[in-house]
Full PDB file with SEQRES, HELIX, SHEET, SSBOND, CRYST1, ORIGX, SCALE, CONECT and MASTER records, all heavy atoms in Angstrom:
SEQRES   1 A   41  HIS LEU LEU GLN THR LEU SER ASN SER TYR LEU THR GLU          
SEQRES   2 A   41  HIS GLN PHE CYS GLN LEU LEU GLY ARG MET ARG LEU TYR          
SEQRES   3 A   41  GLN SER LEU PRO GLN GLY TYR GLN LYS ASP ILE PRO LYS          
SEQRES   4 A   41  MET LEU                                                      
HELIX    1 AA1 LEU A    2  THR A    5  1                                   4    
HELIX    2 AA2 LEU A    6  ASN A    8  5                                   3    
HELIX    3 AA3 GLU A   13  TYR A   26  1                                  14    
HELIX    4 AA4 GLN A   31  GLN A   34  1                                   4    
CRYST1    1.000    1.000    1.000  90.00  90.00  90.00 P 1           1          
ORIGX1      1.000000  0.000000  0.000000        0.00000                         
ORIGX2      0.000000  1.000000  0.000000        0.00000                         
ORIGX3      0.000000  0.000000  1.000000        0.00000                         
SCALE1      1.000000  0.000000  0.000000        0.00000                         
SCALE2      0.000000  1.000000  0.000000        0.00000                         
SCALE3      0.000000  0.000000  1.000000        0.00000                         
ATOM      1  N   HIS A   1      55.562  91.330  48.676  1.00  0.00           N  
ATOM      2  CA  HIS A   1      55.797  90.812  50.038  1.00  0.00           C  
ATOM      3  C   HIS A   1      57.247  91.048  50.449  1.00  0.00           C  
ATOM      4  O   HIS A   1      57.526  91.432  51.601  1.00  0.00           O  
ATOM      5  CB  HIS A   1      55.464  89.323  50.093  1.00  0.00           C  
ATOM      6  CG  HIS A   1      55.774  88.694  51.424  1.00  0.00           C  
ATOM      7  ND1 HIS A   1      55.030  88.936  52.560  1.00  0.00           N  
ATOM      8  CD2 HIS A   1      56.783  87.848  51.805  1.00  0.00           C  
ATOM      9  CE1 HIS A   1      55.547  88.271  53.573  1.00  0.00           C  
ATOM     10  NE2 HIS A   1      56.608  87.597  53.146  1.00  0.00           N  
ATOM     11  N   LEU A   2      58.160  90.833  49.494  1.00  0.00           N  
ATOM     12  CA  LEU A   2      59.575  91.076  49.762  1.00  0.00           C  
ATOM     13  C   LEU A   2      59.810  92.533  50.153  1.00  0.00           C  
ATOM     14  O   LEU A   2      60.544  92.824  51.100  1.00  0.00           O  
ATOM     15  CB  LEU A   2      60.382  90.724  48.513  1.00  0.00           C  
ATOM     16  CG  LEU A   2      61.904  90.767  48.634  1.00  0.00           C  
ATOM     17  CD1 LEU A   2      62.404  89.611  49.485  1.00  0.00           C  
ATOM     18  CD2 LEU A   2      62.549  90.714  47.251  1.00  0.00           C  
ATOM     19  N   LEU A   3      59.160  93.446  49.429  1.00  0.00           N  
ATOM     20  CA  LEU A   3      59.318  94.869  49.727  1.00  0.00           C  
ATOM     21  C   LEU A   3      58.645  95.241  51.043  1.00  0.00           C  
ATOM     22  O   LEU A   3      59.153  96.079  51.795  1.00  0.00           O  
ATOM     23  CB  LEU A   3      58.733  95.704  48.572  1.00  0.00           C  
ATOM     24  CG  LEU A   3      59.394  95.516  47.201  1.00  0.00           C  
ATOM     25  CD1 LEU A   3      58.657  96.327  46.135  1.00  0.00           C  
ATOM     26  CD2 LEU A   3      60.864  95.916  47.243  1.00  0.00           C  
ATOM     27  N   GLN A   4      57.503  94.614  51.328  1.00  0.00           N  
ATOM     28  CA  GLN A   4      56.795  94.887  52.585  1.00  0.00           C  
ATOM     29  C   GLN A   4      57.646  94.522  53.792  1.00  0.00           C  
ATOM     30  O   GLN A   4      57.635  95.223  54.813  1.00  0.00           O  
ATOM     31  CB  GLN A   4      55.479  94.101  52.631  1.00  0.00           C  
ATOM     32  CG  GLN A   4      54.401  94.581  51.674  1.00  0.00           C  
ATOM     33  CD  GLN A   4      53.602  95.752  52.215  1.00  0.00           C  
ATOM     34  OE1 GLN A   4      53.964  96.348  53.221  1.00  0.00           O  
ATOM     35  NE2 GLN A   4      52.513  96.091  51.532  1.00  0.00           N  
ATOM     36  N   THR A   5      58.390  93.416  53.698  1.00  0.00           N  
ATOM     37  CA  THR A   5      59.191  92.975  54.843  1.00  0.00           C  
ATOM     38  C   THR A   5      60.276  93.985  55.190  1.00  0.00           C  
ATOM     39  O   THR A   5      60.743  94.032  56.337  1.00  0.00           O  
ATOM     40  CB  THR A   5      59.847  91.611  54.562  1.00  0.00           C  
ATOM     41  OG1 THR A   5      60.704  91.720  53.410  1.00  0.00           O  
ATOM     42  CG2 THR A   5      58.795  90.538  54.302  1.00  0.00           C  
ATOM     43  N   LEU A   6      60.701  94.795  54.207  1.00  0.00           N  
ATOM     44  CA  LEU A   6      61.736  95.790  54.473  1.00  0.00           C  
ATOM     45  C   LEU A   6      61.249  96.870  55.429  1.00  0.00           C  
ATOM     46  O   LEU A   6      62.058  97.544  56.078  1.00  0.00           O  
ATOM     47  CB  LEU A   6      62.205  96.435  53.159  1.00  0.00           C  
ATOM     48  CG  LEU A   6      62.855  95.497  52.139  1.00  0.00           C  
ATOM     49  CD1 LEU A   6      63.226  96.279  50.879  1.00  0.00           C  
ATOM     50  CD2 LEU A   6      64.094  94.821  52.720  1.00  0.00           C  
ATOM     51  N   SER A   7      59.942  97.057  55.511  1.00  0.00           N  
ATOM     52  CA  SER A   7      59.384  98.095  56.387  1.00  0.00           C  
ATOM     53  C   SER A   7      59.438  97.702  57.857  1.00  0.00           C  
ATOM     54  O   SER A   7      59.272  98.557  58.731  1.00  0.00           O  
ATOM     55  CB  SER A   7      57.930  98.378  55.999  1.00  0.00           C  
ATOM     56  OG  SER A   7      57.832  98.759  54.646  1.00  0.00           O  
ATOM     57  N   ASN A   8      59.672  96.417  58.115  1.00  0.00           N  
ATOM     58  CA  ASN A   8      59.582  95.920  59.497  1.00  0.00           C  
ATOM     59  C   ASN A   8      60.923  95.818  60.200  1.00  0.00           C  
ATOM     60  O   ASN A   8      60.990  95.403  61.365  1.00  0.00           O  
ATOM     61  CB  ASN A   8      58.902  94.542  59.495  1.00  0.00           C  
ATOM     62  CG  ASN A   8      57.523  94.588  58.848  1.00  0.00           C  
ATOM     63  OD1 ASN A   8      56.808  95.566  58.994  1.00  0.00           O  
ATOM     64  ND2 ASN A   8      57.169  93.530  58.122  1.00  0.00           N  
ATOM     65  N   SER A   9      62.014  96.148  59.513  1.00  0.00           N  
ATOM     66  CA  SER A   9      63.352  96.030  60.110  1.00  0.00           C  
ATOM     67  C   SER A   9      64.065  97.374  60.062  1.00  0.00           C  
ATOM     68  O   SER A   9      63.845  98.170  59.133  1.00  0.00           O  
ATOM     69  CB  SER A   9      64.186  94.981  59.367  1.00  0.00           C  
ATOM     70  OG  SER A   9      63.556  93.721  59.424  1.00  0.00           O  
ATOM     71  N   TYR A  10      64.939  97.595  61.037  1.00  0.00           N  
ATOM     72  CA  TYR A  10      65.616  98.895  61.153  1.00  0.00           C  
ATOM     73  C   TYR A  10      67.099  98.704  61.427  1.00  0.00           C  
ATOM     74  O   TYR A  10      67.509  97.741  62.091  1.00  0.00           O  
ATOM     75  CB  TYR A  10      65.004  99.711  62.297  1.00  0.00           C  
ATOM     76  CG  TYR A  10      63.598 100.184  62.021  1.00  0.00           C  
ATOM     77  CD1 TYR A  10      62.516  99.323  62.201  1.00  0.00           C  
ATOM     78  CD2 TYR A  10      63.353 101.483  61.585  1.00  0.00           C  
ATOM     79  CE1 TYR A  10      61.221  99.746  61.941  1.00  0.00           C  
ATOM     80  CE2 TYR A  10      62.057 101.919  61.331  1.00  0.00           C  
ATOM     81  CZ  TYR A  10      61.005 101.053  61.509  1.00  0.00           C  
ATOM     82  OH  TYR A  10      59.724 101.470  61.246  1.00  0.00           O  
ATOM     83  N   LEU A  11      67.876  99.645  60.896  1.00  0.00           N  
ATOM     84  CA  LEU A  11      69.285  99.773  61.246  1.00  0.00           C  
ATOM     85  C   LEU A  11      69.432 100.938  62.212  1.00  0.00           C  
ATOM     86  O   LEU A  11      68.817 101.994  62.001  1.00  0.00           O  
ATOM     87  CB  LEU A  11      70.134 100.060  60.007  1.00  0.00           C  
ATOM     88  CG  LEU A  11      70.359  98.953  58.977  1.00  0.00           C  
ATOM     89  CD1 LEU A  11      71.098  99.522  57.774  1.00  0.00           C  
ATOM     90  CD2 LEU A  11      71.138  97.792  59.576  1.00  0.00           C  
ATOM     91  N   THR A  12      70.240 100.759  63.243  1.00  0.00           N  
ATOM     92  CA  THR A  12      70.570 101.911  64.076  1.00  0.00           C  
ATOM     93  C   THR A  12      71.483 102.831  63.274  1.00  0.00           C  
ATOM     94  O   THR A  12      72.047 102.438  62.247  1.00  0.00           O  
ATOM     95  CB  THR A  12      71.283 101.479  65.365  1.00  0.00           C  
ATOM     96  OG1 THR A  12      72.556 100.914  65.007  1.00  0.00           O  
ATOM     97  CG2 THR A  12      70.454 100.451  66.135  1.00  0.00           C  
ATOM     98  N   GLU A  13      71.631 104.055  63.741  1.00  0.00           N  
ATOM     99  CA  GLU A  13      72.513 104.982  63.033  1.00  0.00           C  
ATOM    100  C   GLU A  13      73.943 104.434  63.014  1.00  0.00           C  
ATOM    101  O   GLU A  13      74.662 104.589  62.022  1.00  0.00           O  
ATOM    102  CB  GLU A  13      72.474 106.364  63.688  1.00  0.00           C  
ATOM    103  CG  GLU A  13      73.173 107.434  62.853  1.00  0.00           C  
ATOM    104  CD  GLU A  13      72.888 108.835  63.357  1.00  0.00           C  
ATOM    105  OE1 GLU A  13      73.101 109.080  64.565  1.00  0.00           O  
ATOM    106  OE2 GLU A  13      72.457 109.673  62.551  1.00  0.00           O  
ATOM    107  N   HIS A  14      74.341 103.786  64.093  1.00  0.00           N  
ATOM    108  CA  HIS A  14      75.676 103.185  64.136  1.00  0.00           C  
ATOM    109  C   HIS A  14      75.814 102.092  63.074  1.00  0.00           C  
ATOM    110  O   HIS A  14      76.832 102.020  62.364  1.00  0.00           O  
ATOM    111  CB  HIS A  14      75.934 102.603  65.529  1.00  0.00           C  
ATOM    112  CG  HIS A  14      77.258 101.895  65.643  1.00  0.00           C  
ATOM    113  ND1 HIS A  14      78.445 102.569  65.815  1.00  0.00           N  
ATOM    114  CD2 HIS A  14      77.571 100.566  65.583  1.00  0.00           C  
ATOM    115  CE1 HIS A  14      79.442 101.697  65.861  1.00  0.00           C  
ATOM    116  NE2 HIS A  14      78.930 100.470  65.726  1.00  0.00           N  
ATOM    117  N   GLN A  15      74.804 101.243  62.954  1.00  0.00           N  
ATOM    118  CA  GLN A  15      74.846 100.183  61.950  1.00  0.00           C  
ATOM    119  C   GLN A  15      74.843 100.753  60.533  1.00  0.00           C  
ATOM    120  O   GLN A  15      75.521 100.236  59.637  1.00  0.00           O  
ATOM    121  CB  GLN A  15      73.652  99.234  62.127  1.00  0.00           C  
ATOM    122  CG  GLN A  15      73.750  98.317  63.333  1.00  0.00           C  
ATOM    123  CD  GLN A  15      72.489  97.509  63.525  1.00  0.00           C  
ATOM    124  OE1 GLN A  15      71.374  98.041  63.444  1.00  0.00           O  
ATOM    125  NE2 GLN A  15      72.648  96.214  63.792  1.00  0.00           N  
ATOM    126  N   PHE A  16      74.073 101.822  60.346  1.00  0.00           N  
ATOM    127  CA  PHE A  16      74.038 102.461  59.029  1.00  0.00           C  
ATOM    128  C   PHE A  16      75.424 102.998  58.652  1.00  0.00           C  
ATOM    129  O   PHE A  16      75.893 102.800  57.518  1.00  0.00           O  
ATOM    130  CB  PHE A  16      73.006 103.595  59.029  1.00  0.00           C  
ATOM    131  CG  PHE A  16      72.971 104.386  57.754  1.00  0.00           C  
ATOM    132  CD1 PHE A  16      72.388 103.866  56.602  1.00  0.00           C  
ATOM    133  CD2 PHE A  16      73.527 105.656  57.697  1.00  0.00           C  
ATOM    134  CE1 PHE A  16      72.368 104.593  55.422  1.00  0.00           C  
ATOM    135  CE2 PHE A  16      73.503 106.392  56.524  1.00  0.00           C  
ATOM    136  CZ  PHE A  16      72.927 105.861  55.379  1.00  0.00           C  
ATOM    137  N   CYS A  17      76.077 103.670  59.591  1.00  0.00           N  
ATOM    138  CA  CYS A  17      77.421 104.194  59.333  1.00  0.00           C  
ATOM    139  C   CYS A  17      78.410 103.051  59.096  1.00  0.00           C  
ATOM    140  O   CYS A  17      79.301 103.146  58.242  1.00  0.00           O  
ATOM    141  CB  CYS A  17      77.885 105.061  60.501  1.00  0.00           C  
ATOM    142  SG  CYS A  17      76.923 106.579  60.709  1.00  0.00           S  
ATOM    143  N   GLN A  18      78.240 101.972  59.860  1.00  0.00           N  
ATOM    144  CA  GLN A  18      79.079 100.788  59.662  1.00  0.00           C  
ATOM    145  C   GLN A  18      78.887 100.234  58.253  1.00  0.00           C  
ATOM    146  O   GLN A  18      79.853  99.880  57.566  1.00  0.00           O  
ATOM    147  CB  GLN A  18      78.691  99.728  60.695  1.00  0.00           C  
ATOM    148  CG  GLN A  18      79.283  98.340  60.473  1.00  0.00           C  
ATOM    149  CD  GLN A  18      80.678  98.196  61.037  1.00  0.00           C  
ATOM    150  OE1 GLN A  18      81.144  99.063  61.769  1.00  0.00           O  
ATOM    151  NE2 GLN A  18      81.354  97.114  60.672  1.00  0.00           N  
ATOM    152  N   LEU A  19      77.633 100.178  57.801  1.00  0.00           N  
ATOM    153  CA  LEU A  19      77.322  99.675  56.462  1.00  0.00           C  
ATOM    154  C   LEU A  19      78.002 100.531  55.384  1.00  0.00           C  
ATOM    155  O   LEU A  19      78.609  99.995  54.446  1.00  0.00           O  
ATOM    156  CB  LEU A  19      75.807  99.667  56.252  1.00  0.00           C  
ATOM    157  CG  LEU A  19      75.309  99.343  54.837  1.00  0.00           C  
ATOM    158  CD1 LEU A  19      75.718  97.936  54.433  1.00  0.00           C  
ATOM    159  CD2 LEU A  19      73.797  99.508  54.755  1.00  0.00           C  
ATOM    160  N   LEU A  20      77.879 101.866  55.500  1.00  0.00           N  
ATOM    161  CA  LEU A  20      78.503 102.743  54.510  1.00  0.00           C  
ATOM    162  C   LEU A  20      80.014 102.539  54.478  1.00  0.00           C  
ATOM    163  O   LEU A  20      80.629 102.511  53.401  1.00  0.00           O  
ATOM    164  CB  LEU A  20      78.186 104.205  54.814  1.00  0.00           C  
ATOM    165  CG  LEU A  20      76.737 104.668  54.642  1.00  0.00           C  
ATOM    166  CD1 LEU A  20      76.648 106.184  54.799  1.00  0.00           C  
ATOM    167  CD2 LEU A  20      76.173 104.252  53.294  1.00  0.00           C  
ATOM    168  N   GLY A  21      80.623 102.397  55.662  1.00  0.00           N  
ATOM    169  CA  GLY A  21      82.067 102.185  55.727  1.00  0.00           C  
ATOM    170  C   GLY A  21      82.476 100.886  55.064  1.00  0.00           C  
ATOM    171  O   GLY A  21      83.468 100.835  54.307  1.00  0.00           O  
ATOM    172  N   ARG A  22      81.732  99.811  55.319  1.00  0.00           N  
ATOM    173  CA  ARG A  22      82.049  98.521  54.705  1.00  0.00           C  
ATOM    174  C   ARG A  22      81.835  98.564  53.187  1.00  0.00           C  
ATOM    175  O   ARG A  22      82.580  97.930  52.430  1.00  0.00           O  
ATOM    176  CB  ARG A  22      81.178  97.419  55.325  1.00  0.00           C  
ATOM    177  CG  ARG A  22      81.572  97.048  56.753  1.00  0.00           C  
ATOM    178  CD  ARG A  22      82.927  96.357  56.776  1.00  0.00           C  
ATOM    179  NE  ARG A  22      83.373  96.047  58.106  1.00  0.00           N  
ATOM    180  CZ  ARG A  22      83.616  94.817  58.559  1.00  0.00           C  
ATOM    181  NH1 ARG A  22      83.435  93.784  57.772  1.00  0.00           N  
ATOM    182  NH2 ARG A  22      84.054  94.639  59.788  1.00  0.00           N  
ATOM    183  N   MET A  23      80.808  99.303  52.742  1.00  0.00           N  
ATOM    184  CA  MET A  23      80.564  99.426  51.302  1.00  0.00           C  
ATOM    185  C   MET A  23      81.724 100.157  50.621  1.00  0.00           C  
ATOM    186  O   MET A  23      82.128  99.806  49.502  1.00  0.00           O  
ATOM    187  CB  MET A  23      79.240 100.146  51.055  1.00  0.00           C  
ATOM    188  CG  MET A  23      78.014  99.330  51.462  1.00  0.00           C  
ATOM    189  SD  MET A  23      76.467 100.265  51.392  1.00  0.00           S  
ATOM    190  CE  MET A  23      76.038 100.070  49.668  1.00  0.00           C  
ATOM    191  N   ARG A  24      82.263 101.179  51.289  1.00  0.00           N  
ATOM    192  CA  ARG A  24      83.421 101.878  50.739  1.00  0.00           C  
ATOM    193  C   ARG A  24      84.652 100.961  50.749  1.00  0.00           C  
ATOM    194  O   ARG A  24      85.454 100.943  49.804  1.00  0.00           O  
ATOM    195  CB  ARG A  24      83.710 103.146  51.551  1.00  0.00           C  
ATOM    196  CG  ARG A  24      82.703 104.265  51.357  1.00  0.00           C  
ATOM    197  CD  ARG A  24      82.726 104.811  49.942  1.00  0.00           C  
ATOM    198  NE  ARG A  24      84.006 105.400  49.588  1.00  0.00           N  
ATOM    199  CZ  ARG A  24      84.308 106.684  49.764  1.00  0.00           C  
ATOM    200  NH1 ARG A  24      83.398 107.519  50.271  1.00  0.00           N  
ATOM    201  NH2 ARG A  24      85.485 107.146  49.420  1.00  0.00           N  
ATOM    202  N   LEU A  25      84.791 100.200  51.813  1.00  0.00           N  
ATOM    203  CA  LEU A  25      85.919  99.283  51.935  1.00  0.00           C  
ATOM    204  C   LEU A  25      85.870  98.193  50.869  1.00  0.00           C  
ATOM    205  O   LEU A  25      86.918  97.772  50.343  1.00  0.00           O  
ATOM    206  CB  LEU A  25      85.920  98.671  53.335  1.00  0.00           C  
ATOM    207  CG  LEU A  25      87.071  97.722  53.694  1.00  0.00           C  
ATOM    208  CD1 LEU A  25      88.403  98.463  53.651  1.00  0.00           C  
ATOM    209  CD2 LEU A  25      86.835  97.111  55.073  1.00  0.00           C  
ATOM    210  N   TYR A  26      84.678  97.751  50.530  1.00  0.00           N  
ATOM    211  CA  TYR A  26      84.485  96.664  49.570  1.00  0.00           C  
ATOM    212  C   TYR A  26      85.198  96.956  48.249  1.00  0.00           C  
ATOM    213  O   TYR A  26      85.788  96.055  47.639  1.00  0.00           O  
ATOM    214  CB  TYR A  26      82.984  96.460  49.331  1.00  0.00           C  
ATOM    215  CG  TYR A  26      82.650  95.400  48.313  1.00  0.00           C  
ATOM    216  CD1 TYR A  26      82.450  94.078  48.697  1.00  0.00           C  
ATOM    217  CD2 TYR A  26      82.525  95.704  46.954  1.00  0.00           C  
ATOM    218  CE1 TYR A  26      82.144  93.095  47.767  1.00  0.00           C  
ATOM    219  CE2 TYR A  26      82.220  94.732  46.018  1.00  0.00           C  
ATOM    220  CZ  TYR A  26      82.031  93.428  46.427  1.00  0.00           C  
ATOM    221  OH  TYR A  26      81.733  92.464  45.501  1.00  0.00           O  
ATOM    222  N   GLN A  27      85.132  98.228  47.806  1.00  0.00           N  
ATOM    223  CA  GLN A  27      85.707  98.581  46.512  1.00  0.00           C  
ATOM    224  C   GLN A  27      87.215  98.346  46.466  1.00  0.00           C  
ATOM    225  O   GLN A  27      87.787  98.118  45.396  1.00  0.00           O  
ATOM    226  CB  GLN A  27      85.425 100.072  46.203  1.00  0.00           C  
ATOM    227  CG  GLN A  27      83.979 100.494  46.363  1.00  0.00           C  
ATOM    228  CD  GLN A  27      83.078  99.883  45.306  1.00  0.00           C  
ATOM    229  OE1 GLN A  27      83.550  99.309  44.339  1.00  0.00           O  
ATOM    230  NE2 GLN A  27      81.773  99.996  45.491  1.00  0.00           N  
ATOM    231  N   SER A  28      87.882  98.412  47.614  1.00  0.00           N  
ATOM    232  CA  SER A  28      89.347  98.312  47.654  1.00  0.00           C  
ATOM    233  C   SER A  28      89.846  96.944  48.090  1.00  0.00           C  
ATOM    234  O   SER A  28      91.072  96.723  48.182  1.00  0.00           O  
ATOM    235  CB  SER A  28      89.906  99.379  48.606  1.00  0.00           C  
ATOM    236  OG  SER A  28      89.500 100.671  48.207  1.00  0.00           O  
ATOM    237  N   LEU A  29      88.947  96.028  48.379  1.00  0.00           N  
ATOM    238  CA  LEU A  29      89.359  94.697  48.840  1.00  0.00           C  
ATOM    239  C   LEU A  29      90.060  93.926  47.729  1.00  0.00           C  
ATOM    240  O   LEU A  29      89.721  94.067  46.550  1.00  0.00           O  
ATOM    241  CB  LEU A  29      88.135  93.902  49.307  1.00  0.00           C  
ATOM    242  CG  LEU A  29      87.454  94.360  50.596  1.00  0.00           C  
ATOM    243  CD1 LEU A  29      86.197  93.520  50.825  1.00  0.00           C  
ATOM    244  CD2 LEU A  29      88.394  94.245  51.792  1.00  0.00           C  
ATOM    245  N   PRO A  30      91.032  93.087  48.072  1.00  0.00           N  
ATOM    246  CA  PRO A  30      91.634  92.195  47.070  1.00  0.00           C  
ATOM    247  C   PRO A  30      90.566  91.286  46.465  1.00  0.00           C  
ATOM    248  O   PRO A  30      89.573  90.954  47.122  1.00  0.00           O  
ATOM    249  CB  PRO A  30      92.651  91.381  47.889  1.00  0.00           C  
ATOM    250  CG  PRO A  30      92.900  92.183  49.120  1.00  0.00           C  
ATOM    251  CD  PRO A  30      91.633  92.925  49.403  1.00  0.00           C  
ATOM    252  N   GLN A  31      90.781  90.902  45.210  1.00  0.00           N  
ATOM    253  CA  GLN A  31      89.773  90.099  44.510  1.00  0.00           C  
ATOM    254  C   GLN A  31      89.432  88.816  45.251  1.00  0.00           C  
ATOM    255  O   GLN A  31      88.277  88.417  45.338  1.00  0.00           O  
ATOM    256  CB  GLN A  31      90.257  89.767  43.101  1.00  0.00           C  
ATOM    257  CG  GLN A  31      89.670  90.698  42.055  1.00  0.00           C  
ATOM    258  CD  GLN A  31      89.894  90.187  40.650  1.00  0.00           C  
ATOM    259  OE1 GLN A  31      90.798  89.390  40.404  1.00  0.00           O  
ATOM    260  NE2 GLN A  31      89.086  90.645  39.732  1.00  0.00           N  
ATOM    261  N   GLY A  32      90.438  88.175  45.773  1.00  0.00           N  
ATOM    262  CA  GLY A  32      90.197  86.928  46.490  1.00  0.00           C  
ATOM    263  C   GLY A  32      89.315  87.131  47.704  1.00  0.00           C  
ATOM    264  O   GLY A  32      88.481  86.282  48.037  1.00  0.00           O  
ATOM    265  N   TYR A  33      89.478  88.256  48.384  1.00  0.00           N  
ATOM    266  CA  TYR A  33      88.663  88.575  49.557  1.00  0.00           C  
ATOM    267  C   TYR A  33      87.230  88.879  49.130  1.00  0.00           C  
ATOM    268  O   TYR A  33      86.269  88.488  49.793  1.00  0.00           O  
ATOM    269  CB  TYR A  33      89.284  89.771  50.282  1.00  0.00           C  
ATOM    270  CG  TYR A  33      88.911  89.893  51.743  1.00  0.00           C  
ATOM    271  CD1 TYR A  33      89.807  89.530  52.742  1.00  0.00           C  
ATOM    272  CD2 TYR A  33      87.653  90.365  52.115  1.00  0.00           C  
ATOM    273  CE1 TYR A  33      89.458  89.645  54.088  1.00  0.00           C  
ATOM    274  CE2 TYR A  33      87.303  90.479  53.449  1.00  0.00           C  
ATOM    275  CZ  TYR A  33      88.206  90.116  54.429  1.00  0.00           C  
ATOM    276  OH  TYR A  33      87.854  90.219  55.750  1.00  0.00           O  
ATOM    277  N   GLN A  34      87.104  89.589  48.001  1.00  0.00           N  
ATOM    278  CA  GLN A  34      85.767  89.957  47.516  1.00  0.00           C  
ATOM    279  C   GLN A  34      84.917  88.747  47.166  1.00  0.00           C  
ATOM    280  O   GLN A  34      83.697  88.775  47.291  1.00  0.00           O  
ATOM    281  CB  GLN A  34      85.877  90.863  46.282  1.00  0.00           C  
ATOM    282  CG  GLN A  34      86.081  92.331  46.588  1.00  0.00           C  
ATOM    283  CD  GLN A  34      85.932  93.198  45.345  1.00  0.00           C  
ATOM    284  OE1 GLN A  34      85.560  92.720  44.278  1.00  0.00           O  
ATOM    285  NE2 GLN A  34      86.241  94.472  45.484  1.00  0.00           N  
ATOM    286  N   LYS A  35      85.567  87.676  46.719  1.00  0.00           N  
ATOM    287  CA  LYS A  35      84.821  86.489  46.281  1.00  0.00           C  
ATOM    288  C   LYS A  35      83.997  85.873  47.404  1.00  0.00           C  
ATOM    289  O   LYS A  35      83.001  85.191  47.148  1.00  0.00           O  
ATOM    290  CB  LYS A  35      85.793  85.448  45.718  1.00  0.00           C  
ATOM    291  CG  LYS A  35      86.350  85.821  44.356  1.00  0.00           C  
ATOM    292  CD  LYS A  35      87.291  84.740  43.838  1.00  0.00           C  
ATOM    293  CE  LYS A  35      87.856  85.116  42.481  1.00  0.00           C  
ATOM    294  NZ  LYS A  35      88.814  84.096  41.969  1.00  0.00           N  
ATOM    295  N   ASP A  36      84.434  86.082  48.649  1.00  0.00           N  
ATOM    296  CA  ASP A  36      83.724  85.507  49.793  1.00  0.00           C  
ATOM    297  C   ASP A  36      82.597  86.404  50.298  1.00  0.00           C  
ATOM    298  O   ASP A  36      81.919  86.071  51.271  1.00  0.00           O  
ATOM    299  CB  ASP A  36      84.708  85.244  50.937  1.00  0.00           C  
ATOM    300  CG  ASP A  36      85.767  84.215  50.556  1.00  0.00           C  
ATOM    301  OD1 ASP A  36      85.427  83.305  49.775  1.00  0.00           O  
ATOM    302  OD2 ASP A  36      86.914  84.343  51.019  1.00  0.00           O  
ATOM    303  N   ILE A  37      82.413  87.547  49.640  1.00  0.00           N  
ATOM    304  CA  ILE A  37      81.386  88.523  50.047  1.00  0.00           C  
ATOM    305  C   ILE A  37      80.401  88.683  48.892  1.00  0.00           C  
ATOM    306  O   ILE A  37      80.808  88.671  47.729  1.00  0.00           O  
ATOM    307  CB  ILE A  37      82.037  89.879  50.387  1.00  0.00           C  
ATOM    308  CG1 ILE A  37      83.075  89.706  51.502  1.00  0.00           C  
ATOM    309  CG2 ILE A  37      80.983  90.894  50.815  1.00  0.00           C  
ATOM    310  CD1 ILE A  37      83.927  90.942  51.726  1.00  0.00           C  
ATOM    311  N   PRO A  38      79.104  88.812  49.157  1.00  0.00           N  
ATOM    312  CA  PRO A  38      78.140  88.993  48.072  1.00  0.00           C  
ATOM    313  C   PRO A  38      78.490  90.193  47.188  1.00  0.00           C  
ATOM    314  O   PRO A  38      79.033  91.195  47.654  1.00  0.00           O  
ATOM    315  CB  PRO A  38      76.820  89.224  48.808  1.00  0.00           C  
ATOM    316  CG  PRO A  38      77.003  88.556  50.121  1.00  0.00           C  
ATOM    317  CD  PRO A  38      78.447  88.734  50.471  1.00  0.00           C  
ATOM    318  N   LYS A  39      78.198  90.053  45.930  1.00  0.00           N  
ATOM    319  CA  LYS A  39      78.522  91.082  44.934  1.00  0.00           C  
ATOM    320  C   LYS A  39      77.856  92.415  45.272  1.00  0.00           C  
ATOM    321  O   LYS A  39      76.689  92.465  45.665  1.00  0.00           O  
ATOM    322  CB  LYS A  39      78.053  90.603  43.556  1.00  0.00           C  
ATOM    323  CG  LYS A  39      78.260  91.579  42.426  1.00  0.00           C  
ATOM    324  CD  LYS A  39      77.802  90.975  41.105  1.00  0.00           C  
ATOM    325  CE  LYS A  39      76.307  90.698  41.108  1.00  0.00           C  
ATOM    326  NZ  LYS A  39      75.813  90.195  39.813  1.00  0.00           N  
ATOM    327  N   MET A  40      78.597  93.498  45.098  1.00  0.00           N  
ATOM    328  CA  MET A  40      78.050  94.840  45.283  1.00  0.00           C  
ATOM    329  C   MET A  40      78.483  95.701  44.099  1.00  0.00           C  
ATOM    330  O   MET A  40      79.682  95.881  43.858  1.00  0.00           O  
ATOM    331  CB  MET A  40      78.539  95.464  46.590  1.00  0.00           C  
ATOM    332  CG  MET A  40      77.797  96.747  46.947  1.00  0.00           C  
ATOM    333  SD  MET A  40      78.569  97.665  48.297  1.00  0.00           S  
ATOM    334  CE  MET A  40      79.981  98.360  47.437  1.00  0.00           C  
ATOM    335  N   LEU A  41      77.517  96.243  43.363  1.00  0.00           N  
ATOM    336  CA  LEU A  41      77.818  97.011  42.152  1.00  0.00           C  
ATOM    337  C   LEU A  41      77.783  98.518  42.373  1.00  0.00           C  
ATOM    338  O   LEU A  41      78.215  99.277  41.506  1.00  0.00           O  
ATOM    339  CB  LEU A  41      76.821  96.643  41.044  1.00  0.00           C  
ATOM    340  CG  LEU A  41      76.796  95.181  40.611  1.00  0.00           C  
ATOM    341  CD1 LEU A  41      75.744  94.966  39.525  1.00  0.00           C  
ATOM    342  CD2 LEU A  41      78.161  94.728  40.115  1.00  0.00           C  
TER     343      LEU A  41                                                      
MASTER        0    0    0    4    0    0    0    6  342    1    0    4          
END                                                                             
């Protein structure tokens, strides 16, 4: 059911690019800043 729900939502291309940029930014954030954001491996 969790996987099925993923089929019903969409990111615009702008949101997708925003997501990739934030994911790249996450790696360089100070540790204290990272603590307030969900873990990304």
